């Protein structure tokens, strides 16, 4: 019976514009523009028990809860009886229960496929969860589970508890919480000018890598025409700013700036690639403040830097949004990181040299002024 359940409540992720997807709100809610902490000394231990991301684990966790087991109200007794029967059914027919697990997980993963970077995205995710829990599909899903498990007196409380906990645990598993332990070394957020520049930089690297790969096709096996096709998909052909809830005011404002300065010769990148570049720049800024961790014999160890960047959750998740992970995407990510590191270290070194020259010039001017004063 579960095979016949229609997945109508999850057509696409939270960024979709499908008319069948129900949006509770008519527009963006006012949001406080607080800058998130971009870094912490240590990642907090994630409180997700991975066994609770399926029906069996969630119900077993509930049955171990003393508060739940010891309560004697009629609603709790009904939930306890239903949980016992469902667990017994799962142990006898795991292949059938796996189908129900897969159905719920497919919904949850589609709803949470976009990182919860701002309040509007999180609101959209919860809207989809709420709509599903009040839909006919939800009723039919649990009716089917109860029929197969032999539950004659179903418990709405148990159904919602199980659905809610599976959903929140899968969400936490997909995007682990990072917290501050001890003293945090916070990195300055990107300025408006830096955000604007990332549209230009994103297009520059698409064009730069395209030229590099074109020149080496045939001379090295990893440089292929398939890489060029991926790069082409990262270019934006439409000048409009898409009506996408992942676009905040800064996002739209910065893209409008790019369109205003473009006279036809610049390469535009897609919104998704821009988000990846923003996350990459944030991490690079933090690393440049802590160069000691990534230097070997007074030289920056690029391999260390690349390994660190590839371990960043924000970078990997925004990269996976561009296209499903495969060997070609891994090769392209390595090429992009190598080029970007060269570019950023060069620009940062130039900035330091300019500051040094300015400081020397100021010092010399002070010396001349002092000499004149003595002579006078």
Protein backbone atom coordinates (compact mmCIF):
# COMPACT_ATOMS: atom_id res chain seq x y z
CA UNK A 1 0.00 0.00 0.00
CA UNK A 2 2.87 2.34 0.73
CA UNK A 3 3.98 2.03 -2.88
CA UNK A 4 0.82 3.79 -4.02
CA UNK A 5 1.25 6.86 -1.84
CA UNK A 6 1.75 9.95 -3.99
CA UNK A 7 4.68 12.21 -3.20
CA UNK A 8 2.85 15.43 -4.01
CA UNK A 9 3.92 17.44 -1.03
CA UNK A 10 7.59 17.52 -1.90
CA UNK A 11 8.01 18.47 -5.54
CA UNK A 12 11.49 19.85 -5.37
CA UNK A 13 13.31 21.50 -2.52
CA UNK A 14 12.57 24.71 -0.69
CA UNK A 15 13.76 26.75 -3.65
CA UNK A 16 11.15 25.47 -6.06
CA UNK A 17 8.38 27.54 -7.62
CA UNK A 18 5.98 24.64 -8.29
CA UNK A 19 2.41 25.75 -7.84
CA UNK A 20 1.66 22.42 -6.14
CA UNK A 21 4.09 23.25 -3.37
CA UNK A 22 2.15 24.98 -0.64
CA UNK A 23 3.67 28.15 0.76
CA UNK A 24 1.99 29.33 3.92
CA UNK A 25 3.35 32.87 3.78
CA UNK A 26 2.63 35.34 1.00
CA UNK A 27 6.06 36.94 1.08
CA UNK A 28 9.32 37.35 2.92
CA UNK A 29 9.03 38.00 6.61
CA UNK A 30 11.07 40.86 8.12
CA UNK A 31 14.37 39.48 9.32
CA UNK A 32 17.00 40.75 11.71
CA UNK A 33 20.23 41.04 9.77
CA UNK A 34 22.48 39.44 12.33
CA UNK A 35 25.78 38.19 11.01
CA UNK A 36 26.33 34.54 11.95
CA UNK A 37 29.53 33.45 13.62
CA UNK A 38 31.69 32.10 10.87
CA UNK A 39 34.10 30.11 12.93
CA UNK A 40 34.63 28.41 16.23
CA UNK A 41 37.55 26.87 18.02
CA UNK A 42 35.92 23.51 18.09
CA UNK A 43 32.86 21.80 16.69
CA UNK A 44 30.32 20.91 19.34
CA UNK A 45 29.46 17.27 19.59
CA UNK A 46 26.40 16.58 17.49
CA UNK A 47 23.55 15.23 19.62
CA UNK A 48 22.06 13.11 16.83
CA UNK A 49 21.95 9.39 17.41
CA UNK A 50 22.03 8.08 13.85
CA UNK A 51 19.88 5.07 14.80
CA UNK A 52 16.99 7.47 15.50
CA UNK A 53 16.75 8.50 11.86
CA UNK A 54 14.44 5.57 11.09
CA UNK A 55 11.15 4.24 12.47
CA UNK A 56 12.67 1.48 14.58
CA UNK A 57 15.32 3.66 16.25
CA UNK A 58 12.86 6.46 16.97
CA UNK A 59 10.31 4.13 18.57
CA UNK A 60 12.97 2.30 20.59
CA UNK A 61 14.21 5.64 21.91
CA UNK A 62 10.65 6.52 22.93
CA UNK A 63 10.16 3.21 24.77
CA UNK A 64 13.35 3.87 26.78
CA UNK A 65 11.99 7.21 27.98
CA UNK A 66 10.98 6.69 31.62
CA UNK A 67 8.58 9.61 31.50
CA UNK A 68 6.76 8.03 28.57
CA UNK A 69 6.72 4.46 29.91
CA UNK A 70 5.60 5.36 33.44
CA UNK A 71 2.71 7.64 32.47
CA UNK A 72 -0.71 6.02 32.79
CA UNK A 73 -3.02 8.37 30.88
CA UNK A 74 -5.22 6.76 28.27
CA UNK A 75 -3.52 8.60 25.38
CA UNK A 76 -0.06 7.47 26.54
CA UNK A 77 -1.26 3.89 27.07
CA UNK A 78 -2.63 3.87 23.53
CA UNK A 79 0.69 5.17 22.19
CA UNK A 80 2.64 2.55 24.17
CA UNK A 81 0.53 -0.31 22.82
CA UNK A 82 0.84 0.97 19.25
CA UNK A 83 4.62 1.42 19.56
CA UNK A 84 5.03 -2.14 20.89
CA UNK A 85 3.06 -3.63 17.99
CA UNK A 86 4.90 -1.56 15.36
CA UNK A 87 8.31 -2.55 16.78
CA UNK A 88 7.25 -6.21 16.74
CA UNK A 89 6.15 -5.85 13.10
CA UNK A 90 9.43 -4.15 12.14
CA UNK A 91 11.48 -6.97 13.70
CA UNK A 92 9.51 -9.58 11.74
CA UNK A 93 9.32 -7.77 8.37
CA UNK A 94 12.29 -5.37 8.11
CA UNK A 95 12.04 -5.21 4.31
CA UNK A 96 8.54 -3.70 4.53
CA UNK A 97 9.47 -1.19 7.23
CA UNK A 98 12.46 -0.11 5.12
CA UNK A 99 10.00 1.01 2.41
CA UNK A 100 8.26 3.30 4.88
CA UNK A 101 11.60 4.63 6.10
CA UNK A 102 12.66 5.35 2.53
CA UNK A 103 9.42 7.21 1.80
CA UNK A 104 9.77 9.56 4.77
CA UNK A 105 13.48 10.09 4.19
CA UNK A 106 12.89 10.99 0.53
CA UNK A 107 10.49 13.74 1.62
CA UNK A 108 12.73 15.06 4.38
CA UNK A 109 15.86 15.12 2.23
CA UNK A 110 14.11 17.06 -0.53
CA UNK A 111 12.78 19.63 1.95
CA UNK A 112 16.23 20.11 3.50
CA UNK A 113 18.37 19.96 0.35
CA UNK A 114 19.22 23.66 0.77
CA UNK A 115 21.41 24.62 3.76
CA UNK A 116 19.31 26.49 6.38
CA UNK A 117 21.33 29.66 5.88
CA UNK A 118 18.59 32.13 6.83
CA UNK A 119 15.26 32.36 8.58
CA UNK A 120 13.19 32.30 5.41
CA UNK A 121 14.63 28.95 4.28
CA UNK A 122 13.97 27.43 7.70
CA UNK A 123 10.43 28.82 7.64
CA UNK A 124 9.80 27.22 4.26
CA UNK A 125 11.09 23.86 5.50
CA UNK A 126 8.80 23.95 8.54
CA UNK A 127 5.88 25.02 6.34
CA UNK A 128 6.34 21.90 4.22
CA UNK A 129 6.61 19.72 7.31
CA UNK A 130 3.43 21.24 8.80
CA UNK A 131 1.53 20.87 5.54
CA UNK A 132 2.57 17.22 5.22
CA UNK A 133 1.45 16.44 8.79
CA UNK A 134 -2.03 17.81 8.00
CA UNK A 135 -2.31 16.21 4.56
CA UNK A 136 -4.14 13.14 3.29
CA UNK A 137 -0.78 11.58 2.37
CA UNK A 138 0.26 11.68 6.04
CA UNK A 139 -3.00 10.03 7.12
CA UNK A 140 -2.70 7.32 4.46
CA UNK A 141 0.95 6.70 5.35
CA UNK A 142 0.24 5.98 9.01
CA UNK A 143 -2.96 4.14 8.23
CA UNK A 144 -0.92 1.79 6.06
CA UNK A 145 1.70 1.33 8.81
CA UNK A 146 -0.96 0.55 11.40
CA UNK A 147 -2.73 -1.94 9.14
CA UNK A 148 0.46 -3.87 8.43
CA UNK A 149 1.50 -3.80 12.09
CA UNK A 150 -1.92 -4.92 13.30
CA UNK A 151 -2.62 -1.73 15.27
CA UNK A 152 -6.40 -1.44 15.68
CA UNK A 153 -6.45 1.57 18.01
CA UNK A 154 -4.09 4.07 16.36
CA UNK A 155 -2.37 6.85 18.31
CA UNK A 156 -2.10 10.26 16.58
CA UNK A 157 0.33 11.28 19.34
CA UNK A 158 2.72 8.43 18.47
CA UNK A 159 2.47 9.10 14.73
CA UNK A 160 3.39 12.76 15.11
CA UNK A 161 6.15 12.08 17.66
CA UNK A 162 7.79 9.55 15.33
CA UNK A 163 7.48 11.77 12.24
CA UNK A 164 8.77 14.86 14.05
CA UNK A 165 11.79 13.15 15.61
CA UNK A 166 12.79 11.37 12.40
CA UNK A 167 12.61 14.67 10.54
CA UNK A 168 14.57 16.77 13.05
CA UNK A 169 17.26 14.09 13.50
CA UNK A 170 17.77 13.77 9.73
CA UNK A 171 18.00 17.55 9.45
CA UNK A 172 20.60 17.70 12.22
CA UNK A 173 22.51 14.87 10.58
CA UNK A 174 22.58 16.75 7.26
CA UNK A 175 23.66 20.06 8.83
CA UNK A 176 25.46 19.47 12.15
CA UNK A 177 25.36 22.32 14.63
CA UNK A 178 28.61 24.22 15.11
CA UNK A 179 29.06 26.02 18.38
CA UNK A 180 31.56 28.04 20.33
CA UNK A 181 33.73 26.24 22.86
CA UNK A 182 36.10 28.49 24.79
CA UNK A 183 37.18 31.71 23.10
CA UNK A 184 35.99 32.08 19.52
CA UNK A 185 38.21 33.53 16.81
CA UNK A 186 35.51 35.24 14.77
CA UNK A 187 36.26 36.34 11.24
CA UNK A 188 35.07 39.65 9.87
CA UNK A 189 32.03 39.09 7.62
CA UNK A 190 32.23 39.97 3.95
CA UNK A 191 31.62 43.64 3.22
CA UNK A 192 29.10 44.84 0.65
CA UNK A 193 31.95 45.61 -1.77
CA UNK A 194 33.38 42.10 -1.32
CA UNK A 195 29.98 40.54 -1.96
CA UNK A 196 29.62 42.58 -5.13
CA UNK A 197 33.11 41.62 -6.27
CA UNK A 198 32.34 37.91 -5.88
CA UNK A 199 29.97 38.09 -8.89
CA UNK A 200 32.90 39.33 -10.96
CA UNK A 201 35.34 36.82 -9.42
CA UNK A 202 32.94 33.91 -9.98
CA UNK A 203 32.64 34.72 -13.68
CA UNK A 204 36.40 35.30 -13.93
CA UNK A 205 37.20 31.81 -12.65
CA UNK A 206 34.69 30.16 -14.96
CA UNK A 207 36.33 31.88 -17.93
CA UNK A 208 39.87 31.26 -16.62
CA UNK A 209 39.32 27.54 -16.02
CA UNK A 210 37.62 27.16 -19.39
CA UNK A 211 40.70 28.58 -21.14
CA UNK A 212 43.06 26.43 -19.07
CA UNK A 213 41.16 23.19 -19.71
CA UNK A 214 40.76 24.00 -23.41
CA UNK A 215 44.51 24.45 -23.78
CA UNK A 216 45.30 21.12 -22.09
CA UNK A 217 42.69 18.82 -23.62
CA UNK A 218 44.53 15.88 -25.17
CA UNK A 219 47.74 16.45 -23.21
CA UNK A 220 46.42 15.17 -19.88
CA UNK A 221 43.66 12.58 -19.24
CA UNK A 222 41.91 14.60 -16.52
CA UNK A 223 41.23 17.55 -18.84
CA UNK A 224 38.14 16.62 -20.85
CA UNK A 225 35.29 18.22 -22.77
CA UNK A 226 32.94 17.04 -20.01
CA UNK A 227 34.59 19.51 -17.63
CA UNK A 228 33.89 22.29 -20.12
CA UNK A 229 30.21 21.31 -20.18
CA UNK A 230 30.03 21.57 -16.39
CA UNK A 231 31.68 25.00 -16.46
CA UNK A 232 29.24 26.10 -19.13
CA UNK A 233 26.35 25.10 -16.85
CA UNK A 234 27.74 27.44 -14.17
CA UNK A 235 27.32 30.47 -16.45
CA UNK A 236 24.19 32.57 -16.10
CA UNK A 237 22.59 33.46 -19.42
CA UNK A 238 19.64 35.35 -17.95
CA UNK A 239 20.41 38.86 -16.67
CA UNK A 240 17.44 38.85 -14.30
CA UNK A 241 17.82 38.16 -10.60
CA UNK A 242 15.79 35.02 -10.05
CA UNK A 243 12.83 35.14 -7.67
CA UNK A 244 14.42 32.67 -5.30
CA UNK A 245 13.96 32.64 -1.54
CA UNK A 246 17.67 31.91 -1.08
CA UNK A 247 18.29 35.43 -2.44
CA UNK A 248 18.38 37.94 0.38
CA UNK A 249 18.51 41.73 -0.04
CA UNK A 250 22.32 41.77 -0.13
CA UNK A 251 22.31 39.07 -2.79
CA UNK A 252 19.95 40.97 -5.10
CA UNK A 253 21.64 44.33 -4.48
CA UNK A 254 25.09 42.95 -5.31
CA UNK A 255 23.89 41.26 -8.50
CA UNK A 256 22.19 44.47 -9.63
CA UNK A 257 25.55 46.21 -9.16
CA UNK A 258 27.27 43.61 -11.35
CA UNK A 259 24.66 43.98 -14.10
CA UNK A 260 25.08 47.78 -13.96
CA UNK A 261 28.86 47.69 -14.53
CA UNK A 262 28.75 44.94 -17.15
CA UNK A 263 29.14 46.27 -20.68
CA UNK A 264 28.85 42.85 -22.30
CA UNK A 265 32.32 41.42 -21.74
CA UNK A 266 31.93 39.88 -18.30
CA UNK A 267 30.97 36.29 -17.57
CA UNK A 268 27.99 35.92 -15.27
CA UNK A 269 27.86 33.01 -12.84
CA UNK A 270 24.70 31.34 -11.56
CA UNK A 271 23.24 32.10 -8.14
CA UNK A 272 24.33 28.69 -6.87
CA UNK A 273 27.94 29.17 -7.98
CA UNK A 274 27.92 32.65 -6.42
CA UNK A 275 26.83 31.14 -3.09
CA UNK A 276 29.69 28.64 -3.35
CA UNK A 277 32.18 31.47 -4.01
CA UNK A 278 30.86 33.42 -1.00
CA UNK A 279 31.39 30.41 1.28
CA UNK A 280 34.84 29.83 -0.20
CA UNK A 281 35.88 33.45 0.37
CA UNK A 282 34.65 33.39 3.97
CA UNK A 283 36.78 30.34 4.73
CA UNK A 284 39.81 31.77 2.92
CA UNK A 285 39.55 35.00 4.95
CA UNK A 286 39.58 33.01 8.16
CA UNK A 287 42.59 30.98 7.01
CA UNK A 288 44.60 34.06 6.06
CA UNK A 289 44.22 35.23 9.65
CA UNK A 290 45.72 31.95 10.87
CA UNK A 291 48.49 31.32 8.34
CA UNK A 292 50.69 29.56 10.91
CA UNK A 293 48.42 26.51 10.72
CA UNK A 294 48.97 26.17 6.97
CA UNK A 295 52.66 27.00 6.53
CA UNK A 296 55.61 24.65 6.17
CA UNK A 297 59.15 26.06 6.36
CA UNK A 298 57.82 29.62 5.97
CA UNK A 299 55.88 28.65 2.82
CA UNK A 300 52.15 28.20 2.51
CA UNK A 301 51.38 24.50 2.07
CA UNK A 302 48.72 24.46 -0.66
CA UNK A 303 47.89 20.81 -0.04
CA UNK A 304 47.05 21.59 3.59
CA UNK A 305 44.91 24.51 2.51
CA UNK A 306 43.01 22.46 -0.09
CA UNK A 307 42.44 19.60 2.35
CA UNK A 308 41.08 22.04 4.92
CA UNK A 309 38.78 23.76 2.43
CA UNK A 310 37.38 20.43 1.21
CA UNK A 311 36.55 19.48 4.79
CA UNK A 312 34.44 22.63 5.29
CA UNK A 313 30.74 21.75 5.51
CA UNK A 314 29.61 25.09 4.04
CA UNK A 315 31.91 24.69 1.02
CA UNK A 316 31.08 21.05 0.30
CA UNK A 317 27.32 21.51 0.70
CA UNK A 318 27.21 24.57 -1.58
CA UNK A 319 29.39 22.74 -4.13
CA UNK A 320 27.07 19.71 -4.10
CA UNK A 321 24.14 22.04 -4.86
CA UNK A 322 25.67 22.71 -8.28
CA UNK A 323 25.52 19.08 -9.37
CA UNK A 324 25.53 15.60 -7.85
CA UNK A 325 28.96 14.52 -6.67
CA UNK A 326 31.02 12.46 -9.12
CA UNK A 327 34.62 12.13 -10.33
CA UNK A 328 34.34 15.09 -12.72
CA UNK A 329 33.06 17.40 -9.98
CA UNK A 330 35.91 16.29 -7.70
CA UNK A 331 38.48 17.09 -10.41
CA UNK A 332 36.88 20.47 -11.11
CA UNK A 333 36.78 21.36 -7.41
CA UNK A 334 40.52 20.62 -7.07
CA UNK A 335 41.33 22.78 -10.11
CA UNK A 336 39.16 25.62 -8.85
CA UNK A 337 40.63 25.55 -5.34
CA UNK A 338 44.20 25.56 -6.69
CA UNK A 339 43.47 28.56 -8.93
CA UNK A 340 41.60 30.43 -6.20
CA UNK A 341 44.34 29.89 -3.62
CA UNK A 342 46.95 31.27 -6.05
CA UNK A 343 44.71 34.24 -6.78
CA UNK A 344 43.89 35.04 -3.14
CA UNK A 345 47.42 34.64 -1.79
CA UNK A 346 48.76 36.84 -4.60
CA UNK A 347 46.16 39.55 -3.95
CA UNK A 348 46.72 39.37 -0.19
CA UNK A 349 50.50 39.65 -0.66
CA UNK A 350 50.01 42.69 -2.91
CA UNK A 351 47.85 44.32 -0.25
CA UNK A 352 50.53 43.73 2.40
CA UNK A 353 53.23 45.14 0.10
CA UNK A 354 51.16 48.26 -0.61
CA UNK A 355 50.67 48.80 3.12
CA UNK A 356 54.40 48.31 3.68
CA UNK A 357 55.31 50.83 0.97
CA UNK A 358 52.82 53.33 2.35
CA UNK A 359 54.24 52.89 5.84
CA UNK A 360 57.83 53.37 4.58
CA UNK A 361 56.80 56.45 2.64
CA UNK A 362 55.13 57.94 5.73
CA UNK A 363 58.21 57.18 7.84
CA UNK A 364 60.51 58.89 5.32
CA UNK A 365 58.25 61.94 5.19
CA UNK A 366 58.37 62.20 8.98
CA UNK A 367 62.17 62.00 8.93
CA UNK A 368 62.39 64.78 6.33
CA UNK A 369 60.03 66.92 8.34
CA UNK A 370 62.10 66.35 11.48
CA UNK A 371 65.33 67.29 9.64
CA UNK A 372 63.76 70.52 8.36
CA UNK A 373 62.61 71.41 11.86
CA UNK A 374 66.11 70.88 13.23
CA UNK A 375 67.63 73.01 10.47
CA UNK A 376 65.18 75.77 11.18
